[in-house]
Structure formats: C-alpha cells, structure tokens
Amino acid sequence: MSEKDNSQLTSISKSRTLEEIADFWDTHSLDDYWDQTHEVEFEVRAKQRRRITLVPEIYTQVESQARERGILPETLVNLWLVERLQKAG
C-alpha cells in the first residue's frame, strides 16, 4: 500500500492508513493470520557499517561511561568521534 493511495485496504487488517495498520498489529498476532499470508521478496538497503576494535580495557571504560549516560557504548563512541572531528575540521 503506498502512502499516496489511501483508498486501498490492506488484505488482513482492512486498514487504510499506516496508523490503522499499526493499531491493528498492536492488538493482533500474526500467528492468528499466518494462513492468510504469502511469501514475498524485497530488497533491504542498509547502510554499511564499519567495525573498529578496541582494547578490552578501553571498551570497559567506554561501557561504564555509556551506562552512566543511559546510552549504548557505540552511541557514545560515535558522539565522541563527531565532537573530535568537528574540532579537527
């Protein structure tokens, strides 16, 4: 269902909007409708990520500081790198 064509009903939820679809699946289980589904193919274009390894002792410190801030260690490292790159550039 495209966002432009709101007149089309979805096959299972009979919804017209993404919000209605979300509301339906918030209160229903796909297990109850499995026999009404069909196999589809689609392509996912995810951004490629790069990995950088850290010395375990450094990671432990990063993990501790991230936990204090309530964020993931990866998020904290990305924030620090952005700050550093902005200063350097």
PDB file of N, CA and C in Angstrom:
ATOM      1  N   MET A   1       0.850  -1.169   0.000  1.00  0.00           N
ATOM      2  CA  MET A   1       0.000   0.000   0.000  1.00  0.00           C
ATOM      3  C   MET A   1       0.893   1.229   0.000  1.00  0.00           C
ATOM      4  N   SER A   2       0.709   2.092  -0.936  1.00  0.00           N
ATOM      5  CA  SER A   2       1.516   3.301  -0.965  1.00  0.00           C
ATOM      6  C   SER A   2       0.859   4.361  -0.108  1.00  0.00           C
ATOM      7  N   GLU A   3       1.672   5.297   0.363  1.00  0.00           N
ATOM      8  CA  GLU A   3       1.138   6.370   1.198  1.00  0.00           C
ATOM      9  C   GLU A   3       0.261   7.300   0.380  1.00  0.00           C
ATOM     10  N   LYS A   4       0.466   7.347  -0.951  1.00  0.00           N
ATOM     11  CA  LYS A   4      -0.305   8.225  -1.815  1.00  0.00           C
ATOM     12  C   LYS A   4      -1.704   7.682  -2.057  1.00  0.00           C
ATOM     13  N   ASP A   5      -1.850   6.352  -2.035  1.00  0.00           N
ATOM     14  CA  ASP A   5      -3.124   5.724  -2.343  1.00  0.00           C
ATOM     15  C   ASP A   5      -3.747   5.184  -1.068  1.00  0.00           C
ATOM     16  N   ASN A   6      -4.433   6.049  -0.326  1.00  0.00           N
ATOM     17  CA  ASN A   6      -5.029   5.652   0.941  1.00  0.00           C
ATOM     18  C   ASN A   6      -6.365   4.950   0.763  1.00  0.00           C
ATOM     19  N   SER A   7      -6.859   4.815  -0.489  1.00  0.00           N
ATOM     20  CA  SER A   7      -8.152   4.174  -0.700  1.00  0.00           C
ATOM     21  C   SER A   7      -8.046   2.652  -0.701  1.00  0.00           C
ATOM     22  N   GLN A   8      -6.853   2.118  -0.865  1.00  0.00           N
ATOM     23  CA  GLN A   8      -6.648   0.670  -0.911  1.00  0.00           C
ATOM     24  C   GLN A   8      -6.620   0.098   0.502  1.00  0.00           C
ATOM     25  N   LEU A   9      -7.365  -0.972   0.710  1.00  0.00           N
ATOM     26  CA  LEU A   9      -7.373  -1.646   2.007  1.00  0.00           C
ATOM     27  C   LEU A   9      -6.283  -2.703   2.045  1.00  0.00           C
ATOM     28  N   THR A  10      -5.648  -2.865   3.205  1.00  0.00           N
ATOM     29  CA  THR A  10      -4.687  -3.949   3.343  1.00  0.00           C
ATOM     30  C   THR A  10      -5.455  -5.254   3.457  1.00  0.00           C
ATOM     31  N   SER A  11      -4.806  -6.335   3.072  1.00  0.00           N
ATOM     32  CA  SER A  11      -5.508  -7.610   2.955  1.00  0.00           C
ATOM     33  C   SER A  11      -5.963  -8.208   4.280  1.00  0.00           C
ATOM     34  N   ILE A  12      -5.201  -8.046   5.320  1.00  0.00           N
ATOM     35  CA  ILE A  12      -5.559  -8.684   6.591  1.00  0.00           C
ATOM     36  C   ILE A  12      -6.266  -7.702   7.526  1.00  0.00           C
ATOM     37  N   SER A  13      -5.675  -6.551   7.765  1.00  0.00           N
ATOM     38  CA  SER A  13      -6.238  -5.628   8.753  1.00  0.00           C
ATOM     39  C   SER A  13      -7.396  -4.795   8.212  1.00  0.00           C
ATOM     40  N   LYS A  14      -7.538  -4.751   6.900  1.00  0.00           N
ATOM     41  CA  LYS A  14      -8.556  -3.917   6.241  1.00  0.00           C
ATOM     42  C   LYS A  14      -8.373  -2.450   6.606  1.00  0.00           C
ATOM     43  N   SER A  15      -7.137  -2.062   6.813  1.00  0.00           N
ATOM     44  CA  SER A  15      -6.803  -0.689   7.198  1.00  0.00           C
ATOM     45  C   SER A  15      -6.529   0.154   5.967  1.00  0.00           C
ATOM     46  N   ARG A  16      -6.713   1.463   6.132  1.00  0.00           N
ATOM     47  CA  ARG A  16      -6.478   2.390   5.032  1.00  0.00           C
ATOM     48  C   ARG A  16      -5.219   3.233   5.237  1.00  0.00           C
ATOM     49  N   THR A  17      -4.732   3.327   6.454  1.00  0.00           N
ATOM     50  CA  THR A  17      -3.564   4.169   6.731  1.00  0.00           C
ATOM     51  C   THR A  17      -2.517   3.364   7.492  1.00  0.00           C
ATOM     52  N   LEU A  18      -1.285   3.871   7.484  1.00  0.00           N
ATOM     53  CA  LEU A  18      -0.224   3.206   8.245  1.00  0.00           C
ATOM     54  C   LEU A  18      -0.552   3.190   9.731  1.00  0.00           C
ATOM     55  N   GLU A  19      -1.178   4.247  10.219  1.00  0.00           N
ATOM     56  CA  GLU A  19      -1.554   4.306  11.639  1.00  0.00           C
ATOM     57  C   GLU A  19      -2.571   3.216  11.981  1.00  0.00           C
ATOM     58  N   GLU A  20      -3.554   3.031  11.118  1.00  0.00           N
ATOM     59  CA  GLU A  20      -4.544   1.973  11.341  1.00  0.00           C
ATOM     60  C   GLU A  20      -3.894   0.588  11.308  1.00  0.00           C
ATOM     61  N   ILE A  21      -2.950   0.400  10.386  1.00  0.00           N
ATOM     62  CA  ILE A  21      -2.234  -0.880  10.310  1.00  0.00           C
ATOM     63  C   ILE A  21      -1.474  -1.117  11.612  1.00  0.00           C
ATOM     64  N   ALA A  22      -0.773  -0.083  12.082  1.00  0.00           N
ATOM     65  CA  ALA A  22      -0.010  -0.207  13.328  1.00  0.00           C
ATOM     66  C   ALA A  22      -0.931  -0.526  14.495  1.00  0.00           C
ATOM     67  N   ASP A  23      -2.055   0.165  14.574  1.00  0.00           N
ATOM     68  CA  ASP A  23      -3.013  -0.090  15.657  1.00  0.00           C
ATOM     69  C   ASP A  23      -3.521  -1.526  15.614  1.00  0.00           C
ATOM     70  N   PHE A  24      -3.810  -2.012  14.410  1.00  0.00           N
ATOM     71  CA  PHE A  24      -4.295  -3.385  14.266  1.00  0.00           C
ATOM     72  C   PHE A  24      -3.269  -4.380  14.784  1.00  0.00           C
ATOM     73  N   TRP A  25      -1.990  -4.236  14.321  1.00  0.00           N
ATOM     74  CA  TRP A  25      -0.981  -5.219  14.701  1.00  0.00           C
ATOM     75  C   TRP A  25      -0.510  -5.054  16.134  1.00  0.00           C
ATOM     76  N   ASP A  26      -0.797  -3.914  16.754  1.00  0.00           N
ATOM     77  CA  ASP A  26      -0.514  -3.757  18.185  1.00  0.00           C
ATOM     78  C   ASP A  26      -1.435  -4.630  19.026  1.00  0.00           C
ATOM     79  N   THR A  27      -2.577  -5.005  18.470  1.00  0.00           N
ATOM     80  CA  THR A  27      -3.564  -5.765  19.238  1.00  0.00           C
ATOM     81  C   THR A  27      -3.864  -7.143  18.656  1.00  0.00           C
ATOM     82  N   HIS A  28      -3.142  -7.538  17.618  1.00  0.00           N
ATOM     83  CA  HIS A  28      -3.364  -8.838  16.979  1.00  0.00           C
ATOM     84  C   HIS A  28      -2.029  -9.566  16.798  1.00  0.00           C
ATOM     85  N   SER A  29      -2.114 -10.872  16.703  1.00  0.00           N
ATOM     86  CA  SER A  29      -0.921 -11.699  16.496  1.00  0.00           C
ATOM     87  C   SER A  29      -0.903 -12.235  15.067  1.00  0.00           C
ATOM     88  N   LEU A  30       0.263 -12.137  14.428  1.00  0.00           N
ATOM     89  CA  LEU A  30       0.415 -12.689  13.083  1.00  0.00           C
ATOM     90  C   LEU A  30       0.142 -14.192  13.080  1.00  0.00           C
ATOM     91  N   ASP A  31       0.389 -14.837  14.187  1.00  0.00           N
ATOM     92  CA  ASP A  31       0.147 -16.281  14.291  1.00  0.00           C
ATOM     93  C   ASP A  31      -1.312 -16.625  13.979  1.00  0.00           C
ATOM     94  N   ASP A  32      -2.224 -15.728  14.320  1.00  0.00           N
ATOM     95  CA  ASP A  32      -3.643 -15.965  14.062  1.00  0.00           C
ATOM     96  C   ASP A  32      -4.012 -15.798  12.590  1.00  0.00           C
ATOM     97  N   TYR A  33      -3.133 -15.181  11.806  1.00  0.00           N
ATOM     98  CA  TYR A  33      -3.429 -14.875  10.404  1.00  0.00           C
ATOM     99  C   TYR A  33      -2.426 -15.512   9.450  1.00  0.00           C
ATOM    100  N   TRP A  34      -1.587 -16.403   9.960  1.00  0.00           N
ATOM    101  CA  TRP A  34      -0.495 -16.966   9.159  1.00  0.00           C
ATOM    102  C   TRP A  34      -1.001 -17.612   7.869  1.00  0.00           C
ATOM    103  N   ASP A  35      -2.155 -18.259   7.923  1.00  0.00           N
ATOM    104  CA  ASP A  35      -2.696 -18.925   6.736  1.00  0.00           C
ATOM    105  C   ASP A  35      -3.145 -17.938   5.658  1.00  0.00           C
ATOM    106  N   GLN A  36      -3.248 -16.656   5.991  1.00  0.00           N
ATOM    107  CA  GLN A  36      -3.653 -15.638   5.021  1.00  0.00           C
ATOM    108  C   GLN A  36      -2.450 -14.899   4.417  1.00  0.00           C
ATOM    109  N   THR A  37      -1.255 -15.289   4.816  1.00  0.00           N
ATOM    110  CA  THR A  37      -0.065 -14.613   4.314  1.00  0.00           C
ATOM    111  C   THR A  37       0.484 -15.333   3.089  1.00  0.00           C
ATOM    112  N   HIS A  38       1.389 -14.656   2.402  1.00  0.00           N
ATOM    113  CA  HIS A  38       2.058 -15.283   1.266  1.00  0.00           C
ATOM    114  C   HIS A  38       3.501 -14.782   1.218  1.00  0.00           C
ATOM    115  N   GLU A  39       4.332 -15.583   0.593  1.00  0.00           N
ATOM    116  CA  GLU A  39       5.750 -15.266   0.525  1.00  0.00           C
ATOM    117  C   GLU A  39       5.972 -14.092  -0.433  1.00  0.00           C
ATOM    118  N   VAL A  40       6.857 -13.186  -0.033  1.00  0.00           N
ATOM    119  CA  VAL A  40       7.227 -12.056  -0.890  1.00  0.00           C
ATOM    120  C   VAL A  40       8.740 -11.910  -0.884  1.00  0.00           C
ATOM    121  N   GLU A  41       9.247 -11.230  -1.893  1.00  0.00           N
ATOM    122  CA  GLU A  41      10.668 -10.902  -1.940  1.00  0.00           C
ATOM    123  C   GLU A  41      10.803  -9.390  -1.903  1.00  0.00           C
ATOM    124  N   PHE A  42      11.805  -8.919  -1.185  1.00  0.00           N
ATOM    125  CA  PHE A  42      12.080  -7.493  -1.163  1.00  0.00           C
ATOM    126  C   PHE A  42      13.553  -7.281  -0.876  1.00  0.00           C
ATOM    127  N   GLU A  43      14.032  -6.118  -1.232  1.00  0.00           N
ATOM    128  CA  GLU A  43      15.436  -5.790  -1.063  1.00  0.00           C
ATOM    129  C   GLU A  43      15.575  -4.782   0.067  1.00  0.00           C
ATOM    130  N   VAL A  44      16.549  -5.019   0.926  1.00  0.00           N
ATOM    131  CA  VAL A  44      16.832  -4.105   2.024  1.00  0.00           C
ATOM    132  C   VAL A  44      18.148  -3.408   1.727  1.00  0.00           C
ATOM    133  N   ARG A  45      18.108  -2.105   1.737  1.00  0.00           N
ATOM    134  CA  ARG A  45      19.328  -1.329   1.506  1.00  0.00           C
ATOM    135  C   ARG A  45      19.753  -0.680   2.815  1.00  0.00           C
ATOM    136  N   ALA A  46      20.542  -1.402   3.560  1.00  0.00           N
ATOM    137  CA  ALA A  46      21.024  -0.905   4.841  1.00  0.00           C
ATOM    138  C   ALA A  46      22.369  -0.223   4.650  1.00  0.00           C
ATOM    139  N   LYS A  47      22.589   0.799   5.448  1.00  0.00           N
ATOM    140  CA  LYS A  47      23.883   1.462   5.400  1.00  0.00           C
ATOM    141  C   LYS A  47      24.945   0.493   5.908  1.00  0.00           C
ATOM    142  N   GLN A  48      26.051   0.488   5.218  1.00  0.00           N
ATOM    143  CA  GLN A  48      27.142  -0.398   5.616  1.00  0.00           C
ATOM    144  C   GLN A  48      27.866   0.207   6.814  1.00  0.00           C
ATOM    145  N   ARG A  49      28.103  -0.598   7.797  1.00  0.00           N
ATOM    146  CA  ARG A  49      28.827  -0.152   8.988  1.00  0.00           C
ATOM    147  C   ARG A  49      30.234  -0.696   8.958  1.00  0.00           C
ATOM    148  N   ARG A  50      31.109   0.013   9.591  1.00  0.00           N
ATOM    149  CA  ARG A  50      32.500  -0.411   9.723  1.00  0.00           C
ATOM    150  C   ARG A  50      32.750  -0.711  11.193  1.00  0.00           C
ATOM    151  N   ARG A  51      33.613  -1.657  11.448  1.00  0.00           N
ATOM    152  CA  ARG A  51      33.953  -2.017  12.827  1.00  0.00           C
ATOM    153  C   ARG A  51      35.359  -1.559  13.148  1.00  0.00           C
ATOM    154  N   ILE A  52      35.512  -1.086  14.354  1.00  0.00           N
ATOM    155  CA  ILE A  52      36.827  -0.733  14.881  1.00  0.00           C
ATOM    156  C   ILE A  52      36.972  -1.488  16.189  1.00  0.00           C
ATOM    157  N   THR A  53      38.034  -2.238  16.325  1.00  0.00           N
ATOM    158  CA  THR A  53      38.229  -2.994  17.557  1.00  0.00           C
ATOM    159  C   THR A  53      38.897  -2.118  18.603  1.00  0.00           C
ATOM    160  N   LEU A  54      38.501  -2.346  19.837  1.00  0.00           N
ATOM    161  CA  LEU A  54      39.060  -1.614  20.971  1.00  0.00           C
ATOM    162  C   LEU A  54      39.763  -2.589  21.900  1.00  0.00           C
ATOM    163  N   VAL A  55      40.772  -2.099  22.567  1.00  0.00           N
ATOM    164  CA  VAL A  55      41.434  -2.871  23.615  1.00  0.00           C
ATOM    165  C   VAL A  55      40.371  -3.122  24.701  1.00  0.00           C
ATOM    166  N   PRO A  56      40.264  -4.332  25.220  1.00  0.00           N
ATOM    167  CA  PRO A  56      39.217  -4.644  26.193  1.00  0.00           C
ATOM    168  C   PRO A  56      39.139  -3.664  27.370  1.00  0.00           C
ATOM    169  N   GLU A  57      40.270  -3.196  27.859  1.00  0.00           N
ATOM    170  CA  GLU A  57      40.259  -2.263  28.993  1.00  0.00           C
ATOM    171  C   GLU A  57      39.609  -0.929  28.599  1.00  0.00           C
ATOM    172  N   ILE A  58      39.861  -0.484  27.373  1.00  0.00           N
ATOM    173  CA  ILE A  58      39.249   0.764  26.901  1.00  0.00           C
ATOM    174  C   ILE A  58      37.744   0.571  26.744  1.00  0.00           C
ATOM    175  N   TYR A  59      37.357  -0.559  26.163  1.00  0.00           N
ATOM    176  CA  TYR A  59      35.932  -0.825  25.981  1.00  0.00           C
ATOM    177  C   TYR A  59      35.205  -0.838  27.327  1.00  0.00           C
ATOM    178  N   THR A  60      35.821  -1.406  28.336  1.00  0.00           N
ATOM    179  CA  THR A  60      35.208  -1.445  29.668  1.00  0.00           C
ATOM    180  C   THR A  60      34.945  -0.039  30.186  1.00  0.00           C
ATOM    181  N   GLN A  61      35.900   0.867  29.965  1.00  0.00           N
ATOM    182  CA  GLN A  61      35.718   2.254  30.397  1.00  0.00           C
ATOM    183  C   GLN A  61      34.606   2.942  29.597  1.00  0.00           C
ATOM    184  N   VAL A  62      34.598   2.703  28.294  1.00  0.00           N
ATOM    185  CA  VAL A  62      33.554   3.287  27.440  1.00  0.00           C
ATOM    186  C   VAL A  62      32.189   2.761  27.868  1.00  0.00           C
ATOM    187  N   GLU A  63      32.113   1.473  28.095  1.00  0.00           N
ATOM    188  CA  GLU A  63      30.857   0.841  28.503  1.00  0.00           C
ATOM    189  C   GLU A  63      30.344   1.430  29.813  1.00  0.00           C
ATOM    190  N   SER A  64      31.235   1.653  30.751  1.00  0.00           N
ATOM    191  CA  SER A  64      30.869   2.222  32.044  1.00  0.00           C
ATOM    192  C   SER A  64      30.321   3.642  31.882  1.00  0.00           C
ATOM    193  N   GLN A  65      31.020   4.454  31.088  1.00  0.00           N
ATOM    194  CA  GLN A  65      30.563   5.838  30.888  1.00  0.00           C
ATOM    195  C   GLN A  65      29.240   5.882  30.113  1.00  0.00           C
ATOM    196  N   ALA A  66      29.085   4.985  29.167  1.00  0.00           N
ATOM    197  CA  ALA A  66      27.838   4.930  28.403  1.00  0.00           C
ATOM    198  C   ALA A  66      26.674   4.549  29.313  1.00  0.00           C
ATOM    199  N   ARG A  67      26.899   3.579  30.179  1.00  0.00           N
ATOM    200  CA  ARG A  67      25.855   3.145  31.115  1.00  0.00           C
ATOM    201  C   ARG A  67      25.424   4.302  32.005  1.00  0.00           C
ATOM    202  N   GLU A  68      26.393   5.112  32.480  1.00  0.00           N
ATOM    203  CA  GLU A  68      26.072   6.274  33.312  1.00  0.00           C
ATOM    204  C   GLU A  68      25.174   7.262  32.568  1.00  0.00           C
ATOM    205  N   ARG A  69      25.372   7.366  31.254  1.00  0.00           N
ATOM    206  CA  ARG A  69      24.595   8.299  30.437  1.00  0.00           C
ATOM    207  C   ARG A  69      23.298   7.668  29.920  1.00  0.00           C
ATOM    208  N   GLY A  70      23.154   6.375  30.097  1.00  0.00           N
ATOM    209  CA  GLY A  70      21.952   5.688  29.637  1.00  0.00           C
ATOM    210  C   GLY A  70      21.913   5.482  28.135  1.00  0.00           C
ATOM    211  N   ILE A  71      23.094   5.334  27.508  1.00  0.00           N
ATOM    212  CA  ILE A  71      23.173   5.111  26.071  1.00  0.00           C
ATOM    213  C   ILE A  71      24.054   3.904  25.782  1.00  0.00           C
ATOM    214  N   LEU A  72      24.013   3.446  24.559  1.00  0.00           N
ATOM    215  CA  LEU A  72      24.854   2.320  24.159  1.00  0.00           C
ATOM    216  C   LEU A  72      26.303   2.774  23.998  1.00  0.00           C
ATOM    217  N   PRO A  73      27.256   1.880  24.250  1.00  0.00           N
ATOM    218  CA  PRO A  73      28.660   2.234  24.053  1.00  0.00           C
ATOM    219  C   PRO A  73      28.942   2.724  22.630  1.00  0.00           C
ATOM    220  N   GLU A  74      28.318   2.098  21.634  1.00  0.00           N
ATOM    221  CA  GLU A  74      28.517   2.502  20.243  1.00  0.00           C
ATOM    222  C   GLU A  74      28.062   3.941  20.020  1.00  0.00           C
ATOM    223  N   THR A  75      26.962   4.319  20.648  1.00  0.00           N
ATOM    224  CA  THR A  75      26.449   5.679  20.525  1.00  0.00           C
ATOM    225  C   THR A  75      27.418   6.667  21.138  1.00  0.00           C
ATOM    226  N   LEU A  76      27.933   6.342  22.306  1.00  0.00           N
ATOM    227  CA  LEU A  76      28.882   7.225  22.979  1.00  0.00           C
ATOM    228  C   LEU A  76      30.143   7.415  22.148  1.00  0.00           C
ATOM    229  N   VAL A  77      30.681   6.341  21.615  1.00  0.00           N
ATOM    230  CA  VAL A  77      31.894   6.434  20.787  1.00  0.00           C
ATOM    231  C   VAL A  77      31.616   7.285  19.556  1.00  0.00           C
ATOM    232  N   ASN A  78      30.472   7.102  18.912  1.00  0.00           N
ATOM    233  CA  ASN A  78      30.131   7.914  17.746  1.00  0.00           C
ATOM    234  C   ASN A  78      30.002   9.390  18.106  1.00  0.00           C
ATOM    235  N   LEU A  79      29.407   9.691  19.258  1.00  0.00           N
ATOM    236  CA  LEU A  79      29.298  11.084  19.700  1.00  0.00           C
ATOM    237  C   LEU A  79      30.677  11.690  19.928  1.00  0.00           C
ATOM    238  N   TRP A  80      31.542  10.953  20.589  1.00  0.00           N
ATOM    239  CA  TRP A  80      32.896  11.436  20.851  1.00  0.00           C
ATOM    240  C   TRP A  80      33.659  11.666  19.550  1.00  0.00           C
ATOM    241  N   LEU A  81      33.507  10.748  18.601  1.00  0.00           N
ATOM    242  CA  LEU A  81      34.227  10.896  17.336  1.00  0.00           C
ATOM    243  C   LEU A  81      33.718  12.103  16.548  1.00  0.00           C
ATOM    244  N   VAL A  82      32.421  12.330  16.557  1.00  0.00           N
ATOM    245  CA  VAL A  82      31.873  13.504  15.887  1.00  0.00           C
ATOM    246  C   VAL A  82      32.424  14.785  16.503  1.00  0.00           C
ATOM    247  N   GLU A  83      32.435  14.843  17.826  1.00  0.00           N
ATOM    248  CA  GLU A  83      32.993  16.021  18.517  1.00  0.00           C
ATOM    249  C   GLU A  83      34.439  16.243  18.125  1.00  0.00           C
ATOM    250  N   ARG A  84      35.206  15.188  18.147  1.00  0.00           N
ATOM    251  CA  ARG A  84      36.634  15.294  17.827  1.00  0.00           C
ATOM    252  C   ARG A  84      36.851  15.716  16.385  1.00  0.00           C
ATOM    253  N   LEU A  85      36.091  15.154  15.477  1.00  0.00           N
ATOM    254  CA  LEU A  85      36.227  15.500  14.069  1.00  0.00           C
ATOM    255  C   LEU A  85      35.805  16.943  13.793  1.00  0.00           C
ATOM    256  N   GLN A  86      34.790  17.413  14.501  1.00  0.00           N
ATOM    257  CA  GLN A  86      34.368  18.818  14.338  1.00  0.00           C
ATOM    258  C   GLN A  86      35.458  19.765  14.801  1.00  0.00           C
ATOM    259  N   LYS A  87      36.103  19.429  15.898  1.00  0.00           N
ATOM    260  CA  LYS A  87      37.208  20.262  16.396  1.00  0.00           C
ATOM    261  C   LYS A  87      38.388  20.256  15.429  1.00  0.00           C
ATOM    262  N   ALA A  88      38.649  19.099  14.820  1.00  0.00           N
ATOM    263  CA  ALA A  88      39.798  18.964  13.929  1.00  0.00           C
ATOM    264  C   ALA A  88      39.542  19.627  12.566  1.00  0.00           C
ATOM    265  N   GLY A  89      38.276  19.687  12.181  1.00  0.00           N
ATOM    266  CA  GLY A  89      37.949  20.176  10.838  1.00  0.00           C
ATOM    267  C   GLY A  89      37.689  21.608  10.855  1.00  0.00           C
TER     268      GLY A  89
END
